[in-house]
């Protein structure tokens, strides 16, 4: 278990778990830690710990008292870390940062490896996890990351001059990758098209200002053609402002089912899922998040 005498091995890939872990490390500032990182987690850790070496998995685990790992659905790194931790008799903690695919996060090629403990930062997630895992291995930890972002949003609202006659919509992007219905178009672009087709729901179209915000794992080039095709609308891909600023700026925050929507909801913003009616239901259990397909 983590104590002041612990040496923590941190293994992460996705942005969601990395952001939660970074905020916890800041809170547990007396804890010594080593890291093995890949994917978006590398950039996020470098922003706060520019001189920390990114070690191999074995080097990160050697001498560690405990492992704190993410639960990516696209990378095997954290799964392999939990296997090694089990073999090395290291206390293993895994972070679940979403509301879907809980059991699948711990399985690869038929090999099911659970940690010693699972951390969740949301009451909805905790209740869902209780239906799948033994309650003794679950622990709800405050989301210092979410709390700090909400404070930043409120500060931006206090300082910013966001008064406008336009309706301001922030679209928070994410890589869906799956294709729904009979379309050959990836889901994130189906949702974008559904949103723009039904833009009149929000008000007079020529009075609507749209900013698109990239997911941490995406590059701007991905949406360049789509933005050109829809240049008749008042929209732009905003890569120059922080997420907290853009949420403060917005009247509405919309997207498929990315965590940025939970941040916006926690900050009191009107939040809406753009998943089209032929897509799977939005995974968020939060009733306060509206669904465009149900409102039209």
Protein backbone atom coordinates (compact mmCIF):
# COMPACT_ATOMS: atom_id res chain seq x y z
CA UNK A 1 0.00 0.00 0.00
CA UNK A 2 1.11 3.62 -0.52
CA UNK A 3 2.79 5.23 2.48
CA UNK A 4 5.30 8.03 2.97
CA UNK A 5 8.05 5.41 2.78
CA UNK A 6 6.77 4.01 -0.52
CA UNK A 7 8.58 4.04 -3.81
CA UNK A 8 5.84 4.08 -6.39
CA UNK A 9 6.08 2.69 -9.92
CA UNK A 10 3.74 4.72 -12.16
CA UNK A 11 2.76 3.12 -15.48
CA UNK A 12 0.38 5.00 -17.76
CA UNK A 13 -0.61 5.43 -21.40
CA UNK A 14 -3.92 7.30 -21.81
CA UNK A 15 -4.53 10.93 -20.92
CA UNK A 16 -7.46 10.20 -18.60
CA UNK A 17 -5.60 8.07 -16.07
CA UNK A 18 -2.41 10.14 -16.47
CA UNK A 19 -4.19 13.35 -15.48
CA UNK A 20 -5.75 11.72 -12.42
CA UNK A 21 -2.41 10.21 -11.38
CA UNK A 22 -0.52 13.48 -11.84
CA UNK A 23 -2.95 15.28 -9.54
CA UNK A 24 -2.63 12.54 -6.93
CA UNK A 25 1.17 12.66 -7.09
CA UNK A 26 1.01 16.38 -6.48
CA UNK A 27 -1.22 15.74 -3.45
CA UNK A 28 1.08 12.92 -2.23
CA UNK A 29 4.14 15.14 -2.67
CA UNK A 30 6.24 13.16 -0.17
CA UNK A 31 5.98 9.94 -2.20
CA UNK A 32 8.99 8.87 -4.27
CA UNK A 33 8.07 7.55 -7.71
CA UNK A 34 9.51 6.21 -10.95
CA UNK A 35 7.68 6.13 -14.27
CA UNK A 36 7.23 3.97 -17.34
CA UNK A 37 5.09 5.90 -19.81
CA UNK A 38 3.78 5.68 -23.36
CA UNK A 39 1.22 7.47 -25.52
CA UNK A 40 -0.33 10.78 -24.37
CA UNK A 41 0.91 10.19 -20.81
CA UNK A 42 4.48 10.99 -21.89
CA UNK A 43 3.63 14.57 -22.87
CA UNK A 44 1.45 15.16 -19.82
CA UNK A 45 4.15 14.01 -17.39
CA UNK A 46 6.83 15.99 -19.23
CA UNK A 47 4.79 19.15 -18.74
CA UNK A 48 5.04 18.78 -14.96
CA UNK A 49 8.21 16.72 -14.51
CA UNK A 50 10.50 17.71 -17.37
CA UNK A 51 13.58 15.97 -15.97
CA UNK A 52 12.05 12.67 -14.86
CA UNK A 53 13.51 9.67 -16.77
CA UNK A 54 11.05 7.44 -18.62
CA UNK A 55 12.25 3.97 -17.60
CA UNK A 56 11.68 0.50 -18.94
CA UNK A 57 8.93 -1.45 -17.22
CA UNK A 58 11.36 -3.64 -15.29
CA UNK A 59 13.47 -0.67 -14.15
CA UNK A 60 10.35 1.16 -12.96
CA UNK A 61 9.15 -1.87 -10.97
CA UNK A 62 12.50 -2.86 -9.46
CA UNK A 63 12.62 -1.59 -5.88
CA UNK A 64 9.02 -0.32 -5.99
CA UNK A 65 6.74 -0.83 -3.02
CA UNK A 66 3.58 -0.38 -5.11
CA UNK A 67 2.43 -0.02 -8.71
CA UNK A 68 -0.05 2.66 -9.78
CA UNK A 69 -1.25 1.99 -13.32
CA UNK A 70 -3.83 3.19 -15.78
CA UNK A 71 -6.27 0.90 -17.57
CA UNK A 72 -5.99 1.77 -21.25
CA UNK A 73 -8.09 -0.06 -23.79
CA UNK A 74 -5.58 0.52 -26.59
CA UNK A 75 -2.24 -0.27 -24.92
CA UNK A 76 -0.94 -3.45 -23.26
CA UNK A 77 1.69 -1.59 -21.22
CA UNK A 78 -0.34 -1.28 -18.02
CA UNK A 79 -1.68 -4.84 -18.28
CA UNK A 80 1.89 -6.13 -18.59
CA UNK A 81 2.88 -4.02 -15.60
CA UNK A 82 0.18 -5.67 -13.49
CA UNK A 83 1.40 -9.13 -14.57
CA UNK A 84 4.98 -8.26 -13.57
CA UNK A 85 3.85 -6.69 -10.30
CA UNK A 86 1.97 -9.88 -9.43
CA UNK A 87 5.05 -11.98 -10.20
CA UNK A 88 7.25 -9.65 -8.12
CA UNK A 89 4.77 -9.53 -5.21
CA UNK A 90 4.29 -5.76 -5.59
CA UNK A 91 1.09 -4.16 -4.32
CA UNK A 92 -0.87 -3.20 -7.43
CA UNK A 93 -3.33 -0.31 -7.80
CA UNK A 94 -5.20 0.32 -11.06
CA UNK A 95 -7.03 3.53 -11.99
CA UNK A 96 -10.35 3.43 -13.83
CA UNK A 97 -11.11 6.84 -15.32
CA UNK A 98 -14.32 6.17 -17.29
CA UNK A 99 -17.67 4.40 -17.08
CA UNK A 100 -17.40 1.58 -19.62
CA UNK A 101 -15.64 -1.74 -20.31
CA UNK A 102 -14.49 -2.29 -16.74
CA UNK A 103 -13.81 -6.01 -16.97
CA UNK A 104 -12.20 -5.76 -20.44
CA UNK A 105 -9.60 -3.35 -19.07
CA UNK A 106 -7.97 -6.22 -17.18
CA UNK A 107 -8.05 -8.84 -19.93
CA UNK A 108 -5.71 -9.44 -22.86
CA UNK A 109 -5.74 -12.55 -25.07
CA UNK A 110 -7.86 -14.42 -22.54
CA UNK A 111 -5.56 -13.55 -19.64
CA UNK A 112 -7.48 -11.83 -16.83
CA UNK A 113 -5.26 -10.04 -14.29
CA UNK A 114 -6.79 -7.97 -11.51
CA UNK A 115 -4.80 -5.55 -9.34
CA UNK A 116 -4.80 -5.61 -5.56
CA UNK A 117 -6.93 -2.47 -5.48
CA UNK A 118 -8.92 -0.34 -7.95
CA UNK A 119 -9.17 3.42 -7.57
CA UNK A 120 -12.13 5.38 -8.91
CA UNK A 121 -12.72 9.10 -8.61
CA UNK A 122 -16.45 9.30 -9.28
CA UNK A 123 -19.47 8.01 -7.34
CA UNK A 124 -21.18 6.79 -10.53
CA UNK A 125 -18.06 4.82 -11.48
CA UNK A 126 -17.78 3.42 -7.96
CA UNK A 127 -21.37 2.16 -8.03
CA UNK A 128 -20.84 0.54 -11.44
CA UNK A 129 -17.63 -1.11 -10.28
CA UNK A 130 -19.40 -2.62 -7.25
CA UNK A 131 -21.50 -4.71 -9.65
CA UNK A 132 -18.37 -6.27 -11.21
CA UNK A 133 -15.56 -6.38 -8.64
CA UNK A 134 -15.39 -7.33 -4.96
CA UNK A 135 -16.17 -4.26 -2.86
CA UNK A 136 -13.05 -4.93 -0.75
CA UNK A 137 -10.76 -4.05 -3.68
CA UNK A 138 -12.48 -0.75 -4.55
CA UNK A 139 -11.55 2.66 -3.23
CA UNK A 140 -13.04 6.03 -4.12
CA UNK A 141 -10.34 8.72 -4.22
CA UNK A 142 -11.18 12.42 -4.67
CA UNK A 143 -10.45 13.71 -8.16
CA UNK A 144 -8.02 16.53 -7.41
CA UNK A 145 -7.59 16.85 -11.18
CA UNK A 146 -11.28 17.54 -11.76
CA UNK A 147 -11.49 19.86 -8.77
CA UNK A 148 -8.52 21.92 -9.93
CA UNK A 149 -9.92 22.24 -13.45
CA UNK A 150 -13.29 23.42 -12.16
CA UNK A 151 -11.46 26.06 -10.13
CA UNK A 152 -9.53 27.14 -13.24
CA UNK A 153 -12.79 27.41 -15.21
CA UNK A 154 -14.39 29.54 -12.53
CA UNK A 155 -11.31 31.76 -12.41
CA UNK A 156 -11.42 32.17 -16.20
CA UNK A 157 -15.09 33.07 -15.99
CA UNK A 158 -14.28 35.74 -13.40
CA UNK A 159 -11.43 37.21 -15.45
CA UNK A 160 -12.69 36.68 -19.00
CA UNK A 161 -14.84 38.96 -21.12
CA UNK A 162 -17.06 36.38 -22.78
CA UNK A 163 -20.17 38.50 -23.32
CA UNK A 164 -21.35 38.07 -26.89
CA UNK A 165 -24.51 38.18 -28.97
CA UNK A 166 -23.44 34.83 -30.44
CA UNK A 167 -24.28 31.42 -29.02
CA UNK A 168 -20.88 29.92 -28.15
CA UNK A 169 -20.47 26.15 -28.54
CA UNK A 170 -17.35 24.21 -27.59
CA UNK A 171 -17.14 20.84 -29.34
CA UNK A 172 -14.74 18.53 -27.48
CA UNK A 173 -13.37 15.99 -29.94
CA UNK A 174 -12.29 12.40 -29.33
CA UNK A 175 -11.16 9.39 -31.38
CA UNK A 176 -14.13 7.01 -31.63
CA UNK A 177 -12.67 4.89 -34.46
CA UNK A 178 -15.72 2.61 -34.68
CA UNK A 179 -18.10 2.92 -37.62
CA UNK A 180 -21.82 2.88 -36.95
CA UNK A 181 -24.72 1.88 -39.16
CA UNK A 182 -23.89 1.30 -42.81
CA UNK A 183 -21.43 4.17 -43.00
CA UNK A 184 -17.74 3.86 -43.87
CA UNK A 185 -17.11 7.05 -41.91
CA UNK A 186 -15.55 6.83 -38.46
CA UNK A 187 -17.91 7.54 -35.56
CA UNK A 188 -16.38 10.85 -34.48
CA UNK A 189 -17.05 12.29 -37.93
CA UNK A 190 -20.57 10.86 -38.03
CA UNK A 191 -21.27 12.64 -34.74
CA UNK A 192 -19.73 15.89 -36.02
CA UNK A 193 -21.90 15.73 -39.14
CA UNK A 194 -25.01 14.97 -37.09
CA UNK A 195 -24.23 17.98 -34.89
CA UNK A 196 -23.67 20.40 -37.75
CA UNK A 197 -26.77 19.15 -39.61
CA UNK A 198 -28.88 19.87 -36.54
CA UNK A 199 -27.16 23.10 -35.54
CA UNK A 200 -30.45 25.02 -35.71
CA UNK A 201 -31.43 23.27 -32.45
CA UNK A 202 -29.13 25.70 -30.63
CA UNK A 203 -30.52 28.86 -32.26
CA UNK A 204 -30.10 30.97 -35.39
CA UNK A 205 -27.24 29.31 -37.26
CA UNK A 206 -25.48 32.51 -38.36
CA UNK A 207 -25.43 33.61 -34.69
CA UNK A 208 -23.61 30.48 -33.54
CA UNK A 209 -19.85 30.40 -32.94
CA UNK A 210 -18.20 26.97 -32.72
CA UNK A 211 -14.76 26.06 -31.45
CA UNK A 212 -13.39 22.55 -31.80
CA UNK A 213 -11.04 21.27 -29.11
CA UNK A 214 -8.68 18.39 -29.88
CA UNK A 215 -8.47 15.30 -27.70
CA UNK A 216 -4.95 14.91 -26.22
CA UNK A 217 -4.32 11.84 -28.40
CA UNK A 218 -5.23 13.55 -31.70
CA UNK A 219 -3.53 15.90 -34.15
CA UNK A 220 -5.05 18.93 -35.83
CA UNK A 221 -4.46 17.50 -39.33
CA UNK A 222 -7.15 14.89 -38.69
CA UNK A 223 -9.91 17.51 -38.85
CA UNK A 224 -8.41 19.87 -41.45
CA UNK A 225 -10.49 18.59 -44.37
CA UNK A 226 -13.70 18.56 -42.34
CA UNK A 227 -13.16 22.19 -41.30
CA UNK A 228 -12.55 23.22 -44.92
CA UNK A 229 -15.71 21.43 -46.04
CA UNK A 230 -17.72 23.34 -43.41
CA UNK A 231 -16.03 26.73 -43.69
CA UNK A 232 -19.40 28.41 -44.34
CA UNK A 233 -20.07 27.99 -40.61
CA UNK A 234 -18.50 30.16 -37.93
CA UNK A 235 -16.17 27.47 -36.63
CA UNK A 236 -12.48 26.92 -35.98
CA UNK A 237 -10.17 24.36 -34.48
CA UNK A 238 -8.80 26.08 -31.38
CA UNK A 239 -5.31 24.86 -30.46
CA UNK A 240 -4.15 28.04 -28.72
CA UNK A 241 -6.26 28.00 -25.54
CA UNK A 242 -6.35 25.68 -22.55
CA UNK A 243 -9.42 23.49 -22.02
CA UNK A 244 -10.39 25.41 -18.86
CA UNK A 245 -10.45 28.69 -20.82
CA UNK A 246 -12.57 27.23 -23.63
CA UNK A 247 -15.10 25.72 -21.22
CA UNK A 248 -15.35 29.08 -19.45
CA UNK A 249 -15.92 30.75 -22.84
CA UNK A 250 -18.68 28.36 -23.93
CA UNK A 251 -22.44 28.52 -23.44
CA UNK A 252 -22.67 24.86 -24.46
CA UNK A 253 -20.11 22.05 -24.32
CA UNK A 254 -20.87 19.16 -26.67
CA UNK A 255 -19.19 15.96 -27.85
CA UNK A 256 -19.65 12.20 -28.00
CA UNK A 257 -18.62 10.89 -24.58
CA UNK A 258 -15.24 12.35 -23.69
CA UNK A 259 -14.17 13.23 -20.13
CA UNK A 260 -14.01 16.92 -21.04
CA UNK A 261 -17.83 16.83 -20.97
CA UNK A 262 -17.74 15.70 -17.33
CA UNK A 263 -15.42 18.61 -16.55
CA UNK A 264 -17.87 21.02 -18.21
CA UNK A 265 -20.82 19.49 -16.37
CA UNK A 266 -18.98 19.81 -13.03
CA UNK A 267 -18.40 23.49 -13.84
CA UNK A 268 -22.12 24.05 -14.37
CA UNK A 269 -22.11 24.22 -18.17
CA UNK A 270 -24.95 22.96 -20.36
CA UNK A 271 -23.55 19.71 -21.68
CA UNK A 272 -24.86 17.58 -24.53
CA UNK A 273 -23.91 14.37 -26.35
CA UNK A 274 -23.88 14.53 -30.15
CA UNK A 275 -24.03 10.77 -30.69
CA UNK A 276 -26.47 10.17 -33.56
CA UNK A 277 -29.53 7.93 -33.04
CA UNK A 278 -27.90 5.00 -34.88
CA UNK A 279 -24.86 5.03 -32.58
CA UNK A 280 -24.63 3.14 -29.26
CA UNK A 281 -26.11 4.97 -26.29
CA UNK A 282 -23.91 7.49 -24.52
CA UNK A 283 -21.94 5.66 -21.83
CA UNK A 284 -22.21 8.47 -19.28
CA UNK A 285 -24.57 7.62 -16.41
CA UNK A 286 -24.95 11.33 -15.60
CA UNK A 287 -28.58 12.28 -16.20
CA UNK A 288 -27.61 15.95 -16.47
CA UNK A 289 -25.93 15.34 -19.83
CA UNK A 290 -28.55 15.84 -22.53
CA UNK A 291 -28.63 13.86 -25.77
CA UNK A 292 -29.10 15.75 -29.01
CA UNK A 293 -30.90 12.81 -30.65
CA UNK A 294 -33.54 12.87 -27.88
CA UNK A 295 -34.07 16.62 -27.99
CA UNK A 296 -34.60 17.02 -31.74
